[in-house]
N, C-alpha and C. Protein backbone atom coordinates (compact mmCIF):
# COMPACT_ATOMS: atom_id res chain seq x y z
N UNK A 1 0.83 -1.18 0.00
CA UNK A 1 0.00 0.00 0.00
C UNK A 1 0.88 1.24 0.00
N UNK A 2 0.57 2.16 -0.83
CA UNK A 2 1.39 3.35 -1.00
C UNK A 2 1.00 4.44 0.00
N UNK A 3 2.00 5.14 0.50
CA UNK A 3 1.75 6.27 1.39
C UNK A 3 1.59 7.57 0.61
N UNK A 4 1.71 7.50 -0.70
CA UNK A 4 1.61 8.68 -1.53
C UNK A 4 0.16 9.14 -1.63
N UNK A 5 -0.06 10.41 -1.35
CA UNK A 5 -1.39 11.01 -1.48
C UNK A 5 -1.25 12.20 -2.41
N UNK A 6 -2.05 12.22 -3.45
CA UNK A 6 -1.94 13.33 -4.40
C UNK A 6 -2.52 14.60 -3.80
N UNK A 7 -2.18 15.72 -4.40
CA UNK A 7 -2.70 17.00 -3.93
C UNK A 7 -4.22 17.06 -4.06
N UNK A 8 -4.76 16.41 -5.09
CA UNK A 8 -6.20 16.40 -5.27
C UNK A 8 -6.88 15.68 -4.12
N UNK A 9 -6.32 14.54 -3.71
CA UNK A 9 -6.89 13.80 -2.59
C UNK A 9 -6.82 14.62 -1.31
N UNK A 10 -5.71 15.31 -1.12
CA UNK A 10 -5.55 16.15 0.07
C UNK A 10 -6.58 17.28 0.06
N UNK A 11 -6.80 17.87 -1.09
CA UNK A 11 -7.79 18.94 -1.21
C UNK A 11 -9.19 18.46 -0.90
N UNK A 12 -9.51 17.25 -1.36
CA UNK A 12 -10.82 16.67 -1.09
C UNK A 12 -10.98 16.42 0.40
N UNK A 13 -9.94 15.90 1.04
CA UNK A 13 -10.00 15.63 2.48
C UNK A 13 -10.15 16.92 3.28
N UNK A 14 -9.45 17.97 2.88
CA UNK A 14 -9.56 19.25 3.57
C UNK A 14 -10.98 19.79 3.45
N UNK A 15 -11.56 19.71 2.26
CA UNK A 15 -12.94 20.18 2.07
C UNK A 15 -13.91 19.35 2.90
N UNK A 16 -13.69 18.06 2.97
CA UNK A 16 -14.56 17.18 3.76
C UNK A 16 -14.51 17.57 5.24
N UNK A 17 -13.31 17.82 5.74
CA UNK A 17 -13.16 18.23 7.14
C UNK A 17 -13.82 19.59 7.35
N UNK A 18 -13.68 20.50 6.40
CA UNK A 18 -14.32 21.81 6.53
C UNK A 18 -15.83 21.67 6.61
N UNK A 19 -16.42 20.81 5.77
CA UNK A 19 -17.87 20.62 5.80
C UNK A 19 -18.33 20.03 7.12
N UNK A 20 -17.55 19.09 7.66
CA UNK A 20 -17.89 18.50 8.95
C UNK A 20 -17.83 19.56 10.04
N UNK A 21 -16.79 20.38 10.03
CA UNK A 21 -16.66 21.42 11.04
C UNK A 21 -17.77 22.46 10.92
N UNK A 22 -18.13 22.82 9.70
CA UNK A 22 -19.22 23.78 9.50
C UNK A 22 -20.54 23.21 10.01
N UNK A 23 -20.80 21.93 9.74
CA UNK A 23 -22.05 21.34 10.23
C UNK A 23 -22.06 21.24 11.75
N UNK A 24 -20.92 20.88 12.36
CA UNK A 24 -20.85 20.87 13.82
C UNK A 24 -21.04 22.27 14.39
N UNK A 25 -20.46 23.25 13.73
CA UNK A 25 -20.60 24.63 14.17
C UNK A 25 -22.06 25.07 14.12
N UNK A 26 -22.76 24.71 13.06
CA UNK A 26 -24.17 25.10 12.95
C UNK A 26 -25.04 24.38 13.98
N UNK A 27 -24.73 23.12 14.26
CA UNK A 27 -25.48 22.39 15.29
C UNK A 27 -25.25 23.02 16.66
N UNK A 28 -24.00 23.35 16.96
CA UNK A 28 -23.66 23.94 18.26
C UNK A 28 -24.22 25.35 18.41
N UNK A 29 -24.43 26.04 17.31
CA UNK A 29 -24.98 27.39 17.38
C UNK A 29 -26.43 27.36 17.83
N UNK A 30 -27.13 26.27 17.53
CA UNK A 30 -28.53 26.16 17.91
C UNK A 30 -28.72 25.93 19.41
N UNK A 31 -27.68 25.48 20.09
CA UNK A 31 -27.78 25.17 21.52
C UNK A 31 -26.92 26.16 22.30
N UNK A 32 -27.43 26.62 23.42
CA UNK A 32 -26.73 27.64 24.20
C UNK A 32 -26.28 27.10 25.57
N UNK A 33 -25.53 26.03 25.57
CA UNK A 33 -24.97 25.46 26.79
C UNK A 33 -23.50 25.90 26.86
N UNK A 34 -23.02 26.36 28.02
CA UNK A 34 -21.63 26.87 28.10
C UNK A 34 -20.58 25.90 27.58
N UNK A 35 -20.70 24.62 27.88
CA UNK A 35 -19.71 23.65 27.39
C UNK A 35 -19.74 23.57 25.87
N UNK A 36 -20.93 23.64 25.31
CA UNK A 36 -21.07 23.59 23.85
C UNK A 36 -20.54 24.88 23.23
N UNK A 37 -20.72 26.00 23.91
CA UNK A 37 -20.18 27.27 23.40
C UNK A 37 -18.66 27.19 23.28
N UNK A 38 -18.01 26.62 24.28
CA UNK A 38 -16.55 26.46 24.24
C UNK A 38 -16.15 25.54 23.09
N UNK A 39 -16.87 24.44 22.94
CA UNK A 39 -16.62 23.49 21.85
C UNK A 39 -16.81 24.17 20.50
N UNK A 40 -17.86 24.98 20.40
CA UNK A 40 -18.14 25.69 19.16
C UNK A 40 -17.00 26.64 18.82
N UNK A 41 -16.47 27.33 19.80
CA UNK A 41 -15.35 28.24 19.56
C UNK A 41 -14.10 27.49 19.10
N UNK A 42 -13.86 26.32 19.66
CA UNK A 42 -12.73 25.50 19.24
C UNK A 42 -12.90 25.04 17.79
N UNK A 43 -14.10 24.66 17.42
CA UNK A 43 -14.38 24.25 16.04
C UNK A 43 -14.10 25.42 15.10
N UNK A 44 -14.55 26.60 15.49
CA UNK A 44 -14.34 27.79 14.66
C UNK A 44 -12.85 28.06 14.45
N UNK A 45 -12.06 27.91 15.50
CA UNK A 45 -10.61 28.11 15.39
C UNK A 45 -9.99 27.12 14.41
N UNK A 46 -10.38 25.85 14.51
CA UNK A 46 -9.84 24.83 13.60
C UNK A 46 -10.27 25.10 12.16
N UNK A 47 -11.49 25.56 11.99
CA UNK A 47 -11.97 25.87 10.65
C UNK A 47 -11.17 27.03 10.05
N UNK A 48 -10.87 28.03 10.84
CA UNK A 48 -10.06 29.15 10.35
C UNK A 48 -8.65 28.69 9.99
N UNK A 49 -8.08 27.78 10.78
CA UNK A 49 -6.75 27.25 10.47
C UNK A 49 -6.76 26.51 9.14
N UNK A 50 -7.83 25.75 8.88
CA UNK A 50 -7.92 25.04 7.60
C UNK A 50 -8.04 26.02 6.44
N UNK A 51 -8.80 27.08 6.61
CA UNK A 51 -8.95 28.05 5.54
C UNK A 51 -7.63 28.76 5.25
N UNK A 52 -6.87 29.03 6.30
CA UNK A 52 -5.57 29.70 6.12
C UNK A 52 -4.59 28.78 5.40
N UNK A 53 -4.66 27.47 5.68
CA UNK A 53 -3.71 26.53 5.09
C UNK A 53 -4.00 26.24 3.62
N UNK A 54 -5.18 26.62 3.12
CA UNK A 54 -5.51 26.36 1.71
C UNK A 54 -4.75 27.22 0.77
């Protein structure tokens, strides 16, 4: 099995992670529990890091 991953595959994986983070962010926005607010902020930070790395 090859460890080689093409740039296209990497781009697809990054987009997939972004969509997951966006959906988690939208779910957490609907609920106003302090622990979820902290989790939501962490998701937002990771999403911004992914956008910067593109």
